[in-house]
Amino acid sequence: MKMKTYAALSIIVCSLVAISACQPVRTPDLPNTPIVRPTIEINDPTFPQQCADIFLQELGRPVDQLALADCLAKFRSGASGESIRATVHSSPEAITYRNRPAPVVLGALHVDGTRFATADGATYRPIFASVLSILRRTPAERDAMLDTYKDLGFNGLRLFAGRLTWADQTVDTALAALPGLLTAANQRGLRVLITAVTDSRDGGYDVAAHLMAVAAIATAHPGNLLECANEYQHGTQSSEVNDADWLYRTCRDAFARSGVPWALGAPFFDEPTPDGLWPIPSGDFITAHLDRGRDKWNQVRRVRELYAIRDVTRKPVLNSEPMGADEIDGSITGRQRFDDPSFFFALGLLDRLFDIGGVFHSQCGLQAVPCGPVQLECARAFVAGATAVPTTDALNYQNVGWSGSPIASAQFTEDGGPVVRAYSFPPYTIVLHTTADLPVGALTLADGWQIAATLASRPHVTLYRTQQRR
């Protein structure tokens, strides 16, 4: 059998079925179990070789389309661990593929007070990552990114489903790609925060109609979350979208019957008003973007202000676009980006301690491209922080000096000391400090309290377990 002929026949066969049906999911850790004769190569590595072998053993043999469809269906739902080894025509390297995972239907989330909950009442804490322009990527590129974020330990993603002038994304292309993305993400156990409206000022589309279209797709995928608009006050948004009341009414009409929890969108402030109010209408939950106009450690500690929003509104809050990661720090590139894994560890940890849902933001996530090594390390640090507390229980916040706090006082930076902030959630205390390690004596424990263990320590971030003396 000649390789070129076989490759051409493979491509023809693949064209007889939906391209998405021919897309296996890569799993790097499976053993290389060669099942393809070494003399046979295929030009399209996404086509199931074993299905091609069934029908193309002899040149010129007619293709049985029904049998092929059955094979592909079996391929997609086959036993986990079955692998295909195919030699890519353009490369001598062999790649191992696993069958598609069996379809997973994520149960709908609902809002229960200040938390997200699953159908059985269990608390769901979002540990999401930005993949904002992923709807412009091919299915193969999309799936590779989904696999990466799943393997990193995230349980969800945030994306933009509106016009993106900087990414050549239209509302039509976004809506066309959204169902496949939701299916692929949900199959991997990843929920999605769908941010519907972007670039509405010059996007040339009907916002209300677009919201209805997004709602229809979300209704068919109820395990996800909705956000009306990205930074609705931003200059890239239309005057109507800039109006929080108009946006709320329009989103409520579109989303209320979807069965999917929804938020209005983040404003240009990240805390309640001085008189303790959240001054804009809100949906089922709140999205907020941390103020980036402060130094690194005073940025991250403002998760405390997001907790104040939760306290005022009595709704879940999502820290949906904090400072992002990049390969090079923003002090060099001019971007609003950090390259410090400790910052992202602290961010994930504070999200968890204050029970605020969190989104890891990054330059690779903005562009929806593979992350470089620094951003990958920052992503791992974020997940490590978000999962560092060894309990699933909700925690009780106690500030320094409060009657229930194990920390009586601290040497704060305002007084020339090293402590940026210390927050306690007995039995846990997180300390952010300007020095790499926290100096002895920087904290004064309350009467009857002691530090039992250091649970996690990164430069400038320490998590303690405290306990009362017996």
Protein backbone atom coordinates (compact mmCIF):
# COMPACT_ATOMS: atom_id res chain seq x y z
CA MET A 1 0.00 0.00 0.00
CA LYS A 2 1.46 3.35 -0.94
CA MET A 3 1.58 5.99 1.77
CA LYS A 4 0.26 8.84 -0.40
CA THR A 5 -2.72 6.80 -1.55
CA TYR A 6 -3.53 5.76 1.99
CA ALA A 7 -3.27 9.34 3.22
CA ALA A 8 -5.60 10.57 0.51
CA LEU A 9 -8.14 7.86 1.30
CA SER A 10 -7.91 8.70 5.01
CA ILE A 11 -8.71 12.32 4.32
CA ILE A 12 -11.64 11.33 2.08
CA VAL A 13 -13.04 9.03 4.76
CA CYS A 14 -12.65 11.71 7.41
CA SER A 15 -14.56 14.14 5.25
CA LEU A 16 -17.56 11.81 5.23
CA VAL A 17 -18.25 12.50 8.90
CA ALA A 18 -18.29 15.63 11.01
CA ILE A 19 -14.78 16.83 11.63
CA SER A 20 -15.48 17.01 15.34
CA ALA A 21 -16.14 13.27 15.34
CA CYS A 22 -12.60 12.67 14.16
CA GLN A 23 -10.91 14.56 16.96
CA PRO A 24 -9.38 12.39 19.68
CA VAL A 25 -8.18 13.81 22.96
CA ARG A 26 -4.46 13.79 23.69
CA THR A 27 -3.31 12.11 26.86
CA PRO A 28 0.46 12.30 27.35
CA ASP A 29 0.75 9.73 30.13
CA LEU A 30 -0.70 6.69 28.38
CA PRO A 31 1.67 3.87 27.49
CA ASN A 32 2.69 3.78 23.85
CA THR A 33 0.81 0.74 22.60
CA PRO A 34 1.50 0.55 18.88
CA ILE A 35 -1.45 -0.81 16.95
CA VAL A 36 -0.57 0.65 13.56
CA ARG A 37 1.66 -1.17 11.10
CA PRO A 38 4.92 0.79 10.88
CA THR A 39 4.73 0.94 7.10
CA ILE A 40 1.43 2.85 7.18
CA GLU A 41 1.25 6.57 7.88
CA ILE A 42 -1.65 9.02 7.83
CA ASN A 43 -1.54 12.66 6.86
CA ASP A 44 -4.19 13.75 9.35
CA PRO A 45 -3.19 12.79 12.93
CA THR A 46 -6.66 13.60 14.26
CA PHE A 47 -8.28 10.79 12.24
CA PRO A 48 -8.77 7.50 14.11
CA GLN A 49 -6.25 5.16 12.52
CA GLN A 50 -8.02 2.07 13.78
CA CYS A 51 -11.22 3.09 11.97
CA ALA A 52 -9.28 3.71 8.78
CA ASP A 53 -7.66 0.29 9.05
CA ILE A 54 -11.08 -1.37 9.10
CA PHE A 55 -12.07 0.02 5.72
CA LEU A 56 -8.85 0.70 3.86
CA GLN A 57 -7.02 -2.59 4.04
CA GLU A 58 -7.33 -2.98 0.31
CA LEU A 59 -6.92 -0.28 -2.27
CA GLY A 60 -10.12 0.70 -3.94
CA ARG A 61 -12.38 -0.98 -1.41
CA PRO A 62 -15.74 0.87 -1.13
CA VAL A 63 -16.28 2.72 2.15
CA ASP A 64 -19.21 1.51 4.25
CA GLN A 65 -20.35 4.83 5.71
CA LEU A 66 -22.67 3.29 8.32
CA ALA A 67 -19.98 0.94 9.58
CA LEU A 68 -17.54 3.83 9.69
CA ALA A 69 -19.98 5.87 11.75
CA ASP A 70 -20.37 2.95 14.17
CA CYS A 71 -16.61 2.68 14.50
CA LEU A 72 -16.23 6.37 15.19
CA ALA A 73 -19.00 6.27 17.79
CA LYS A 74 -17.26 3.36 19.50
CA PHE A 75 -13.96 5.18 19.25
CA ARG A 76 -15.36 8.22 21.04
CA SER A 77 -16.88 6.24 23.88
CA GLY A 78 -14.42 3.37 24.11
CA ALA A 79 -12.78 2.14 27.24
CA SER A 80 -10.47 4.66 28.85
CA GLY A 81 -6.87 3.78 28.18
CA GLU A 82 -7.27 2.43 24.67
CA SER A 83 -4.71 4.20 22.56
CA ILE A 84 -3.87 4.83 18.95
CA ARG A 85 -0.37 5.29 17.68
CA ALA A 86 -0.11 7.19 14.42
CA THR A 87 2.97 8.51 12.70
CA VAL A 88 2.35 12.03 11.48
CA HIS A 89 3.33 12.43 7.84
CA SER A 90 5.15 15.73 8.44
CA SER A 91 7.12 14.48 11.45
CA PRO A 92 8.94 11.27 12.35
CA GLU A 93 7.72 11.53 15.95
CA ALA A 94 4.93 9.22 17.11
CA ILE A 95 1.96 10.63 19.00
CA THR A 96 -0.36 8.64 21.25
CA TYR A 97 -4.05 9.49 21.42
CA ARG A 98 -6.79 8.32 23.74
CA ASN A 99 -10.45 7.89 22.95
CA ARG A 100 -12.75 10.82 23.66
CA PRO A 101 -14.08 10.75 27.22
CA ALA A 102 -17.66 9.61 27.60
CA PRO A 103 -20.00 12.62 27.56
CA VAL A 104 -20.40 14.24 30.98
CA VAL A 105 -23.50 16.25 31.79
CA LEU A 106 -22.62 18.69 34.53
CA GLY A 107 -25.53 19.34 36.83
CA ALA A 108 -26.84 22.88 37.01
CA LEU A 109 -25.45 25.22 39.62
CA HIS A 110 -27.68 27.39 41.76
CA VAL A 111 -27.06 30.19 44.21
CA ASP A 112 -27.57 29.41 47.88
CA GLY A 113 -26.94 32.56 49.86
CA THR A 114 -23.32 33.58 49.38
CA ARG A 115 -22.22 30.35 47.70
CA PHE A 116 -22.66 28.37 44.51
CA ALA A 117 -24.18 24.94 45.07
CA THR A 118 -24.69 21.80 43.00
CA ALA A 119 -28.01 20.00 42.70
CA ASP A 120 -27.21 17.85 45.76
CA GLY A 121 -26.45 20.94 47.85
CA ALA A 122 -22.65 20.64 47.84
CA THR A 123 -20.67 23.87 47.75
CA TYR A 124 -19.00 24.61 44.42
CA ARG A 125 -15.95 26.90 44.57
CA PRO A 126 -14.85 28.21 41.16
CA ILE A 127 -11.12 27.83 40.43
CA PHE A 128 -11.22 29.19 36.90
CA ALA A 129 -8.71 30.29 34.27
CA SER A 130 -9.04 32.93 31.57
CA VAL A 131 -9.17 31.64 27.98
CA LEU A 132 -10.83 34.80 26.77
CA SER A 133 -10.48 34.46 22.99
CA ILE A 134 -10.62 30.66 22.77
CA LEU A 135 -13.71 30.73 20.52
CA ARG A 136 -11.51 31.82 17.61
CA ARG A 137 -9.31 28.73 17.89
CA THR A 138 -9.68 25.46 15.96
CA PRO A 139 -11.22 22.46 17.71
CA ALA A 140 -7.79 20.84 18.00
CA GLU A 141 -6.26 23.99 19.52
CA ARG A 142 -9.26 24.40 21.80
CA ASP A 143 -9.10 20.82 23.06
CA ALA A 144 -5.37 21.04 23.73
CA MET A 145 -5.93 24.11 25.90
CA LEU A 146 -8.83 22.49 27.73
CA ASP A 147 -6.66 19.46 28.48
CA THR A 148 -3.89 21.71 29.79
CA TYR A 149 -6.09 23.62 32.20
CA LYS A 150 -7.81 20.46 33.36
CA ASP A 151 -4.43 18.84 34.03
CA LEU A 152 -3.31 21.95 35.96
CA GLY A 153 -6.21 21.45 38.37
CA PHE A 154 -8.68 24.16 37.32
CA ASN A 155 -12.39 23.36 37.49
CA GLY A 156 -13.60 26.00 35.05
CA LEU A 157 -12.79 28.68 32.47
CA ARG A 158 -13.84 32.21 31.55
CA LEU A 159 -14.29 33.28 27.92
CA PHE A 160 -15.60 36.14 25.80
CA ALA A 161 -18.56 35.33 23.54
CA GLY A 162 -19.00 38.76 21.94
CA ARG A 163 -17.22 40.79 19.29
CA LEU A 164 -13.44 41.02 19.72
CA THR A 165 -12.00 43.49 17.26
CA TRP A 166 -8.46 42.72 18.41
CA ALA A 167 -8.93 38.98 17.83
CA ASP A 168 -10.96 38.93 14.59
CA GLN A 169 -13.89 37.41 16.46
CA THR A 170 -17.42 38.30 15.41
CA VAL A 171 -20.61 37.53 17.29
CA ASP A 172 -21.52 35.07 14.55
CA THR A 173 -18.25 33.12 14.80
CA ALA A 174 -18.43 33.22 18.59
CA LEU A 175 -21.99 31.88 18.70
CA ALA A 176 -21.10 29.17 16.17
CA ALA A 177 -18.14 27.97 18.26
CA LEU A 178 -19.72 28.30 21.71
CA PRO A 179 -21.79 25.07 21.81
CA GLY A 180 -18.81 22.92 20.83
CA LEU A 181 -16.63 24.64 23.40
CA LEU A 182 -19.16 24.12 26.17
CA THR A 183 -19.58 20.46 25.24
CA ALA A 184 -15.81 19.87 25.12
CA ALA A 185 -15.22 21.72 28.40
CA ASN A 186 -18.08 20.06 30.24
CA GLN A 187 -16.92 16.63 29.04
CA ARG A 188 -13.73 17.33 30.97
CA GLY A 189 -15.59 18.47 34.08
CA LEU A 190 -14.81 22.13 33.36
CA ARG A 191 -17.56 24.68 33.84
CA VAL A 192 -17.50 27.92 31.85
CA LEU A 193 -18.20 31.54 32.74
CA ILE A 194 -19.59 32.95 29.48
CA THR A 195 -19.04 36.71 29.25
CA ALA A 196 -21.52 37.65 26.56
CA VAL A 197 -21.01 41.30 25.55
CA THR A 198 -17.67 42.77 24.46
CA ASP A 199 -16.77 45.55 22.01
CA SER A 200 -20.40 46.62 21.73
CA ARG A 201 -19.58 50.21 20.77
CA ASP A 202 -18.04 49.36 17.39
CA GLY A 203 -19.06 45.71 17.16
CA GLY A 204 -22.01 46.32 14.87
CA TYR A 205 -24.42 43.94 16.60
CA ASP A 206 -27.70 44.05 18.48
CA VAL A 207 -26.80 43.55 22.16
CA ALA A 208 -30.28 42.44 23.25
CA ALA A 209 -30.54 39.89 20.43
CA HIS A 210 -27.03 38.63 21.17
CA LEU A 211 -27.88 38.14 24.83
CA MET A 212 -30.93 36.11 23.84
CA ALA A 213 -28.80 33.96 21.52
CA VAL A 214 -26.21 33.35 24.26
CA ALA A 215 -29.01 32.52 26.71
CA ALA A 216 -30.42 29.91 24.32
CA ILE A 217 -27.03 28.18 24.13
CA ALA A 218 -26.50 28.41 27.88
CA THR A 219 -29.94 26.91 28.53
CA ALA A 220 -28.81 23.80 26.65
CA HIS A 221 -25.67 23.68 28.82
CA PRO A 222 -27.01 24.55 32.30
CA GLY A 223 -23.88 23.55 34.21
CA ASN A 224 -22.18 26.86 33.47
CA LEU A 225 -22.34 30.55 34.49
CA LEU A 226 -23.27 33.74 32.62
CA GLU A 227 -21.94 37.28 32.75
CA CYS A 228 -23.76 39.98 30.77
CA ALA A 229 -20.84 42.21 29.85
CA ASN A 230 -17.13 42.58 30.40
CA GLU A 231 -16.43 45.86 32.25
CA TYR A 232 -19.71 47.42 31.19
CA GLN A 233 -18.38 50.93 31.90
CA HIS A 234 -15.42 50.50 29.54
CA GLY A 235 -15.02 52.80 26.53
CA THR A 236 -15.26 49.83 24.16
CA GLN A 237 -18.86 49.28 25.28
CA SER A 238 -21.86 51.11 23.82
CA SER A 239 -23.65 53.89 25.71
CA GLU A 240 -26.54 51.50 26.41
CA VAL A 241 -24.22 48.90 27.90
CA ASN A 242 -22.53 51.64 29.95
CA ASP A 243 -25.91 52.17 31.63
CA ALA A 244 -26.08 49.61 34.46
CA ASP A 245 -29.87 49.88 34.79
CA TRP A 246 -30.46 49.31 31.06
CA LEU A 247 -28.00 46.43 31.02
CA TYR A 248 -29.61 44.84 34.07
CA ARG A 249 -33.11 44.97 32.58
CA THR A 250 -31.92 43.61 29.24
CA CYS A 251 -29.89 40.80 30.79
CA ARG A 252 -32.67 39.89 33.20
CA ASP A 253 -35.10 39.54 30.29
CA ALA A 254 -32.61 37.36 28.39
CA PHE A 255 -31.16 35.26 31.19
CA ALA A 256 -33.78 34.91 33.91
CA ARG A 257 -35.46 31.85 32.37
CA SER A 258 -32.24 30.13 31.32
CA GLY A 259 -31.76 28.31 34.62
CA VAL A 260 -28.13 29.48 34.58
CA PRO A 261 -26.87 31.80 37.35
CA TRP A 262 -25.89 35.19 35.92
CA ALA A 263 -24.02 38.35 36.85
CA LEU A 264 -24.26 41.87 35.45
CA GLY A 265 -20.53 42.44 34.88
CA ALA A 266 -17.66 44.10 36.71
CA PRO A 267 -17.75 47.86 37.35
CA PHE A 268 -14.72 50.14 37.69
CA PHE A 269 -14.68 49.75 41.49
CA ASP A 270 -13.93 46.77 43.69
CA GLU A 271 -15.55 47.57 47.04
CA PRO A 272 -18.83 48.82 48.50
CA THR A 273 -19.44 52.54 48.96
CA PRO A 274 -18.34 54.18 52.24
CA ASP A 275 -21.90 53.90 53.53
CA GLY A 276 -21.86 50.15 52.92
CA LEU A 277 -23.86 49.84 49.72
CA TRP A 278 -23.33 48.07 46.41
CA PRO A 279 -24.51 50.90 44.17
CA ILE A 280 -25.48 48.97 41.03
CA PRO A 281 -28.09 46.29 40.34
CA SER A 282 -26.90 42.71 40.24
CA GLY A 283 -28.04 39.34 39.03
CA ASP A 284 -27.60 36.08 40.92
CA PHE A 285 -23.94 36.73 41.73
CA ILE A 286 -21.33 39.50 41.49
CA THR A 287 -18.22 39.71 39.30
CA ALA A 288 -15.49 42.16 40.28
CA HIS A 289 -12.05 43.12 38.96
CA LEU A 290 -9.41 43.92 41.57
CA ASP A 291 -7.92 47.42 41.51
CA ARG A 292 -4.52 47.13 39.77
CA GLY A 293 -3.37 50.60 40.77
CA ARG A 294 -1.51 49.47 43.87
CA ASP A 295 1.73 47.68 44.63
CA LYS A 296 1.78 43.91 44.31
CA TRP A 297 0.92 42.89 47.86
CA ASN A 298 -1.61 45.66 48.40
CA GLN A 299 -3.30 44.53 45.20
CA VAL A 300 -3.68 40.94 46.26
CA ARG A 301 -4.85 41.72 49.79
CA ARG A 302 -7.86 43.54 48.31
CA VAL A 303 -9.63 40.21 48.05
CA ARG A 304 -10.74 41.40 51.48
CA GLU A 305 -12.73 44.14 49.71
CA LEU A 306 -14.43 41.54 47.52
CA TYR A 307 -15.44 39.77 50.72
CA ALA A 308 -17.01 43.06 51.80
CA ILE A 309 -19.06 43.06 48.57
CA ARG A 310 -20.25 39.57 49.41
CA ASP A 311 -21.10 40.70 52.93
CA VAL A 312 -23.17 43.65 51.65
CA THR A 313 -25.01 41.91 48.80
CA ARG A 314 -25.30 38.46 50.45
CA LYS A 315 -24.51 36.94 47.06
CA PRO A 316 -21.55 34.93 45.73
CA VAL A 317 -18.68 37.04 44.42
CA LEU A 318 -16.24 36.04 41.68
CA ASN A 319 -12.76 37.60 41.52
CA SER A 320 -12.95 37.44 37.75
CA GLU A 321 -10.05 39.45 36.33
CA PRO A 322 -7.22 40.26 38.73
CA MET A 323 -3.70 41.09 37.59
CA GLY A 324 -2.54 38.52 35.05
CA ALA A 325 0.61 36.46 34.65
CA ASP A 326 3.16 36.82 31.87
CA GLU A 327 6.58 35.45 30.96
CA ILE A 328 8.18 38.84 31.73
CA ASP A 329 7.09 41.22 34.46
CA GLY A 330 5.09 44.28 33.52
CA SER A 331 7.80 46.56 34.92
CA ILE A 332 9.78 45.58 31.80
CA THR A 333 7.05 45.07 29.20
CA GLY A 334 4.75 47.90 30.22
CA ARG A 335 1.82 45.48 30.45
CA GLN A 336 -0.27 45.07 33.58
CA ARG A 337 1.28 41.68 34.34
CA PHE A 338 3.31 39.94 37.05
CA ASP A 339 5.73 37.03 36.67
CA ASP A 340 5.80 36.09 40.37
CA PRO A 341 4.24 32.72 41.32
CA SER A 342 4.06 33.84 44.96
CA PHE A 343 1.57 36.55 44.01
CA PHE A 344 -0.70 34.03 42.33
CA PHE A 345 -0.36 31.57 45.21
CA ALA A 346 -1.50 34.32 47.57
CA LEU A 347 -4.34 35.24 45.20
CA GLY A 348 -5.68 31.69 45.06
CA LEU A 349 -5.26 31.25 48.81
CA LEU A 350 -7.08 34.49 49.68
CA ASP A 351 -9.90 33.58 47.29
CA ARG A 352 -10.32 30.30 49.16
CA LEU A 353 -10.02 31.73 52.67
CA PHE A 354 -12.55 34.50 52.00
CA ASP A 355 -14.72 32.03 50.04
CA ILE A 356 -14.56 34.13 46.88
CA GLY A 357 -14.58 32.36 43.51
CA GLY A 358 -11.38 33.05 41.59
CA VAL A 359 -10.15 33.35 38.00
CA PHE A 360 -6.48 33.01 37.09
CA HIS A 361 -5.78 35.65 34.45
CA SER A 362 -2.78 35.61 32.10
CA GLN A 363 -1.40 36.89 28.83
CA CYS A 364 -1.66 33.41 27.31
CA GLY A 365 -5.22 33.22 28.55
CA LEU A 366 -6.08 36.56 26.98
CA GLN A 367 -4.80 35.39 23.59
CA ALA A 368 -5.89 31.75 24.11
CA VAL A 369 -2.47 30.35 23.20
CA PRO A 370 -0.28 27.78 24.97
CA CYS A 371 1.31 29.22 28.10
CA GLY A 372 5.04 29.62 28.50
CA PRO A 373 6.90 28.11 31.49
CA VAL A 374 6.55 31.16 33.75
CA GLN A 375 2.80 31.45 33.22
CA LEU A 376 2.41 27.70 33.74
CA GLU A 377 4.23 27.99 37.05
CA CYS A 378 2.02 30.93 38.05
CA ALA A 379 -1.07 28.87 37.13
CA ARG A 380 0.15 25.96 39.25
CA ALA A 381 0.79 28.34 42.14
CA PHE A 382 -2.74 29.77 41.86
CA VAL A 383 -4.30 26.30 42.02
CA ALA A 384 -1.96 25.34 44.88
CA GLY A 385 -3.12 28.38 46.84
CA ALA A 386 -6.78 27.76 46.07
CA THR A 387 -6.48 24.19 47.37
CA ALA A 388 -4.01 24.74 50.25
CA VAL A 389 -6.61 24.79 53.02
CA PRO A 390 -7.18 21.19 54.17
CA THR A 391 -10.95 21.50 54.60
CA THR A 392 -13.98 22.05 52.41
CA ASP A 393 -15.83 23.89 55.18
CA ALA A 394 -16.69 27.58 55.07
CA LEU A 395 -14.40 29.62 57.32
CA ASN A 396 -15.03 32.46 59.79
CA TYR A 397 -13.00 35.60 59.07
CA GLN A 398 -11.27 37.36 61.98
CA ASN A 399 -9.12 40.46 61.52
CA VAL A 400 -6.08 41.25 63.64
CA GLY A 401 -7.15 42.39 67.09
CA TRP A 402 -10.72 41.12 66.88
CA SER A 403 -11.94 39.22 69.90
CA GLY A 404 -11.93 35.88 68.07
CA SER A 405 -8.59 36.37 66.27
CA PRO A 406 -5.49 34.40 67.23
CA ILE A 407 -3.40 37.45 66.23
CA ALA A 408 -3.50 40.32 68.72
CA SER A 409 -1.27 42.70 66.74
CA ALA A 410 1.29 42.81 63.94
CA GLN A 411 4.17 44.99 62.76
CA PHE A 412 2.36 46.52 59.79
CA THR A 413 4.07 48.33 56.94
CA GLU A 414 2.18 51.50 57.88
CA ASP A 415 4.33 51.56 61.03
CA GLY A 416 7.55 50.52 59.31
CA GLY A 417 7.14 46.81 59.84
CA PRO A 418 7.18 43.88 57.36
CA VAL A 419 3.50 42.80 57.57
CA VAL A 420 1.26 43.97 54.75
CA ARG A 421 -1.80 42.19 56.13
CA ALA A 422 -2.61 39.26 58.40
CA TYR A 423 -6.02 37.62 58.13
CA SER A 424 -7.25 34.79 60.32
CA PHE A 425 -9.86 32.13 59.68
CA PRO A 426 -9.35 29.98 62.77
CA PRO A 427 -7.54 27.70 62.74
CA TYR A 428 -5.81 29.27 59.68
CA THR A 429 -3.90 32.54 59.39
CA ILE A 430 -2.40 34.00 56.22
CA VAL A 431 0.31 36.66 56.44
CA LEU A 432 1.49 38.79 53.52
CA HIS A 433 4.89 40.34 54.20
CA THR A 434 7.37 42.54 52.35
CA THR A 435 10.32 40.38 53.38
CA ALA A 436 10.82 37.02 51.72
CA ASP A 437 10.39 35.28 55.09
CA LEU A 438 8.38 36.57 58.02
CA PRO A 439 10.73 37.78 60.79
CA VAL A 440 10.37 36.41 64.29
CA GLY A 441 8.30 38.77 66.40
CA ALA A 442 6.38 40.31 63.51
CA LEU A 443 3.17 38.84 64.95
CA THR A 444 1.88 38.99 68.51
CA LEU A 445 -0.45 36.14 69.36
CA ALA A 446 -3.58 36.67 71.40
CA ASP A 447 -3.72 35.19 74.89
CA GLY A 448 -4.12 31.44 74.83
CA TRP A 449 -3.17 31.03 71.15
CA GLN A 450 -0.13 29.42 69.57
CA ILE A 451 1.13 28.59 66.08
CA ALA A 452 0.81 24.84 65.65
CA ALA A 453 2.29 24.47 62.17
CA THR A 454 3.33 26.26 59.01
CA LEU A 455 1.03 24.79 56.34
CA ALA A 456 2.50 26.63 53.35
CA SER A 457 5.27 29.10 52.79
CA ARG A 458 6.24 31.03 49.67
CA PRO A 459 8.30 34.21 49.38
CA HIS A 460 6.19 36.96 50.99
CA VAL A 461 3.30 34.58 51.84
CA THR A 462 2.90 32.32 54.89
CA LEU A 463 -0.06 30.17 55.93
CA TYR A 464 -0.17 29.03 59.56
CA ARG A 465 -2.36 26.66 61.51
CA THR A 466 -3.09 28.15 64.90
CA GLN A 467 -4.65 26.58 67.96
CA GLN A 468 -5.55 27.46 71.52
CA ARG A 469 -3.32 26.18 74.27
CA ARG A 470 -4.80 23.50 76.43
